[in-house]
Amino acid sequence: MRTNDDGEQVAITMEDLELFVQQEAGDEVEEDITCDSNFMMEKVPEIGRALRENFFWVPRQQVIYLFIDNAGGHGTHDATE
């Protein structure tokens, strides 16, 4: 409800609303993404590089295994492999 110019309580209508989304330059915006094969194939190498950088004491010749949870939606068998 809103009060009109005559002081009466009236129902709010669509004409009373001004809808907008405001973003300023430099605002961080979250974006929904799909965790599909393309996403996984792009991100896994980034994760591997981050592991090597942050686990600097693990010798380069030692393999670091990265496992995904086998939940559906991660894409094709090739991406899982």
Protein backbone atom coordinates (compact mmCIF):
# COMPACT_ATOMS: atom_id res chain seq x y z
CA MET A 1 0.00 0.00 0.00
CA ARG A 2 0.99 3.61 -0.54
CA THR A 3 -0.51 6.99 0.27
CA ASN A 4 -1.71 8.93 -2.78
CA ASP A 5 -1.80 12.74 -3.21
CA ASP A 6 -5.24 12.85 -1.53
CA GLY A 7 -3.90 11.09 1.57
CA GLU A 8 -5.72 7.83 0.81
CA GLN A 9 -4.16 4.36 1.13
CA VAL A 10 -4.13 2.70 -2.30
CA ALA A 11 -2.66 -0.52 -3.63
CA ILE A 12 0.72 -0.34 -5.30
CA THR A 13 0.59 -1.08 -9.03
CA MET A 14 3.26 -1.76 -11.64
CA GLU A 15 3.11 1.92 -12.60
CA ASP A 16 4.36 2.79 -9.10
CA LEU A 17 7.52 0.75 -9.50
CA GLU A 18 10.82 1.67 -11.08
CA LEU A 19 12.86 -1.49 -11.56
CA PHE A 20 16.54 -1.40 -12.44
CA VAL A 21 19.86 -3.07 -11.79
CA GLN A 22 22.68 -0.71 -10.99
CA GLN A 23 26.29 -1.64 -11.47
CA GLU A 24 29.13 0.76 -11.17
CA ALA A 25 32.35 0.51 -13.18
CA GLY A 26 34.66 -1.96 -11.45
CA ASP A 27 31.87 -3.77 -9.54
CA GLU A 28 32.48 -7.49 -9.13
CA VAL A 29 29.56 -9.50 -10.43
CA GLU A 30 28.98 -13.19 -9.73
CA GLU A 31 28.18 -15.27 -12.77
CA ASP A 32 26.47 -18.66 -12.82
CA ILE A 33 28.51 -21.23 -14.70
CA THR A 34 28.12 -24.86 -15.65
CA CYS A 35 30.63 -27.36 -14.33
CA ASP A 36 30.70 -29.27 -17.62
CA SER A 37 33.52 -30.85 -19.62
CA ASN A 38 34.65 -27.57 -21.15
CA PHE A 39 34.83 -25.90 -17.74
CA MET A 40 36.67 -28.83 -16.17
CA MET A 41 39.18 -29.09 -19.03
CA GLU A 42 39.92 -25.37 -18.63
CA LYS A 43 40.16 -25.30 -14.82
CA VAL A 44 42.02 -28.51 -13.98
CA PRO A 45 45.35 -27.29 -15.46
CA GLU A 46 44.94 -24.03 -13.50
CA ILE A 47 44.40 -26.05 -10.33
CA GLY A 48 47.47 -28.16 -11.11
CA ARG A 49 49.63 -25.06 -11.53
CA ALA A 50 48.31 -23.66 -8.24
CA LEU A 51 49.07 -26.95 -6.46
CA ARG A 52 52.65 -26.96 -7.76
CA GLU A 53 53.12 -23.33 -6.76
CA ASN A 54 51.69 -23.73 -3.26
CA PHE A 55 53.11 -27.19 -2.51
CA PHE A 56 56.60 -26.03 -3.46
CA TRP A 57 58.26 -28.63 -1.20
CA VAL A 58 56.87 -31.53 -3.29
CA PRO A 59 59.57 -32.48 -5.82
CA ARG A 60 58.62 -31.72 -9.45
CA GLN A 61 59.20 -35.35 -10.43
CA GLN A 62 56.62 -36.57 -7.86
CA VAL A 63 53.11 -36.91 -9.28
CA ILE A 64 50.33 -35.00 -7.51
CA TYR A 65 46.95 -36.66 -8.06
CA LEU A 66 43.82 -34.53 -8.28
CA PHE A 67 40.50 -36.35 -7.85
CA ILE A 68 37.02 -35.06 -8.63
CA ASP A 69 34.00 -36.28 -6.70
CA ASN A 70 32.41 -38.31 -9.55
CA ALA A 71 29.19 -36.35 -9.16
CA GLY A 72 27.11 -36.14 -12.29
CA GLY A 73 27.42 -33.14 -14.52
CA HIS A 74 31.20 -32.98 -14.75
CA GLY A 75 31.00 -33.91 -18.38
CA THR A 76 32.35 -36.59 -20.62
CA HIS A 77 34.50 -39.60 -19.78
CA ASP A 78 37.40 -37.86 -21.55
CA ALA A 79 37.20 -34.95 -19.11
CA THR A 80 37.11 -37.33 -16.16
CA GLU A 81 40.16 -39.17 -17.45
